[in-house]
Protein backbone atom coordinates (compact mmCIF):
# COMPACT_ATOMS: atom_id res chain seq x y z
CA MET A 1 -22.56 -10.71 -8.06
CA PRO A 2 -20.42 -13.82 -7.59
CA THR A 3 -21.10 -17.24 -9.09
CA TYR A 4 -21.14 -20.17 -6.67
CA ALA A 5 -20.79 -23.86 -7.53
CA TYR A 6 -22.91 -26.47 -5.75
CA ALA A 7 -22.98 -30.27 -5.87
CA CYS A 8 -25.55 -32.66 -4.47
CA LYS A 9 -24.25 -35.22 -1.96
CA ASP A 10 -27.02 -37.68 -2.87
CA CYS A 11 -27.37 -37.68 -6.67
CA GLY A 12 -24.12 -35.92 -7.69
CA HIS A 13 -25.91 -33.17 -9.66
CA ALA A 14 -23.58 -30.16 -10.01
CA PHE A 15 -24.54 -26.62 -11.02
CA ASP A 16 -23.50 -22.99 -10.77
CA ILE A 17 -25.70 -20.17 -9.52
CA VAL A 18 -25.27 -16.40 -9.28
CA GLN A 19 -26.01 -15.20 -5.75
CA SER A 20 -25.52 -12.02 -3.81
CA PHE A 21 -23.13 -11.98 -0.87
CA SER A 22 -26.07 -11.45 1.46
CA ASP A 23 -28.03 -14.46 0.12
CA SER A 24 -27.96 -17.61 2.24
CA SER A 25 -26.41 -20.78 0.83
CA LEU A 26 -28.67 -23.27 -0.93
CA THR A 27 -29.39 -26.43 1.05
CA SER A 28 -31.58 -28.66 -1.13
CA CYS A 29 -30.89 -30.07 -4.61
CA PRO A 30 -33.29 -28.88 -7.32
CA GLU A 31 -33.16 -32.38 -8.94
CA CYS A 32 -33.70 -34.77 -6.03
CA GLU A 33 -34.20 -32.50 -2.98
CA GLY A 34 -31.01 -34.04 -1.50
CA THR A 35 -28.38 -32.24 0.53
CA LEU A 36 -26.18 -29.70 -1.29
CA ARG A 37 -22.62 -28.75 -0.57
CA LYS A 38 -20.88 -25.63 -1.79
CA LYS A 39 -17.77 -26.30 -3.88
CA PHE A 40 -14.76 -24.06 -3.49
CA ASN A 41 -12.33 -23.54 -6.35
CA SER A 42 -9.07 -21.68 -6.61
CA VAL A 43 -9.50 -18.03 -7.46
CA GLY A 44 -7.95 -16.70 -10.65
CA VAL A 45 -6.15 -13.41 -10.21
CA VAL A 46 -6.36 -10.79 -12.94
CA PHE A 47 -4.27 -7.65 -12.68
CA LYS A 48 -6.05 -4.73 -14.33
CA GLY A 49 -5.02 -1.12 -14.48
CA SER A 50 -1.67 0.53 -14.10
CA GLY A 51 0.98 -0.17 -11.49
CA PHE A 52 1.39 -3.92 -12.03
CA TYR A 53 4.11 -3.90 -14.64
CA ARG A 54 7.77 -2.95 -14.38
CA THR A 55 7.38 -0.09 -16.82
CA ASP A 56 4.42 1.41 -14.92
CA SER A 57 6.46 2.31 -11.86
CA ARG A 58 9.18 4.15 -13.73
CA ASP A 59 9.46 7.79 -14.62
CA SER A 60 8.56 8.51 -18.23
CA LYS A 61 11.96 10.19 -18.72
CA GLY A 62 13.91 7.06 -17.84
CA SER A 63 15.29 5.31 -14.83
CA THR A 64 15.00 6.94 -11.45
CA VAL A 65 18.51 5.83 -10.51
CA SER A 66 21.00 8.59 -11.27
CA ALA A 67 24.26 7.77 -12.97
CA ALA A 68 27.54 8.16 -11.10
CA PRO A 69 29.14 11.57 -11.64
CA ALA A 70 31.80 11.66 -14.33
CA ALA A 71 35.42 12.06 -13.28
CA PRO A 72 36.61 15.66 -13.62
CA ALA A 73 38.53 16.31 -16.81
CA SER A 74 42.24 16.85 -16.29
CA THR A 75 43.57 20.24 -17.40
CA ALA A 76 47.16 18.97 -17.78
CA PRO A 77 48.13 18.04 -21.33
CA ALA A 78 48.38 14.37 -22.11
CA PRO A 79 51.92 12.97 -22.38
CA ALA A 80 53.27 12.79 -25.90
CA ALA A 81 53.26 9.37 -27.48
CA ALA A 82 56.65 7.72 -27.87
CA PRO A 83 57.81 7.70 -31.48
CA ALA A 84 57.42 4.37 -33.23
CA ALA A 85 60.60 2.42 -33.63
CA SER A 86 61.88 2.73 -37.16
CA VAL A 87 62.75 -0.45 -39.00
CA PRO A 88 65.93 -0.37 -41.10
CA ALA A 89 65.19 -0.72 -44.80
CA ALA A 90 67.56 -3.69 -45.15
CA ALA A 91 65.75 -5.68 -42.46
CA ALA A 92 62.36 -4.99 -44.00
CA THR A 93 63.08 -6.98 -47.16
């Protein structure tokens, strides 16, 4: 059952009460018998259970996006590397 907040317009007395959805709103203050108004607050949102997190929507094996197919391997032999230029022994010293 939800908790509702009330405040008295006459004396300012504020209190919370647990009421069923089908119960009618309170109209008189328990302190001074003045007029009550129901206070409305922002609702806090709590995400419980699965499906709310990034990891919950993914397959347990990994990403659902498939990788691009690899390029087919070439059957032709690779060109031979050019021989390194030799340095004359006299220039090396």
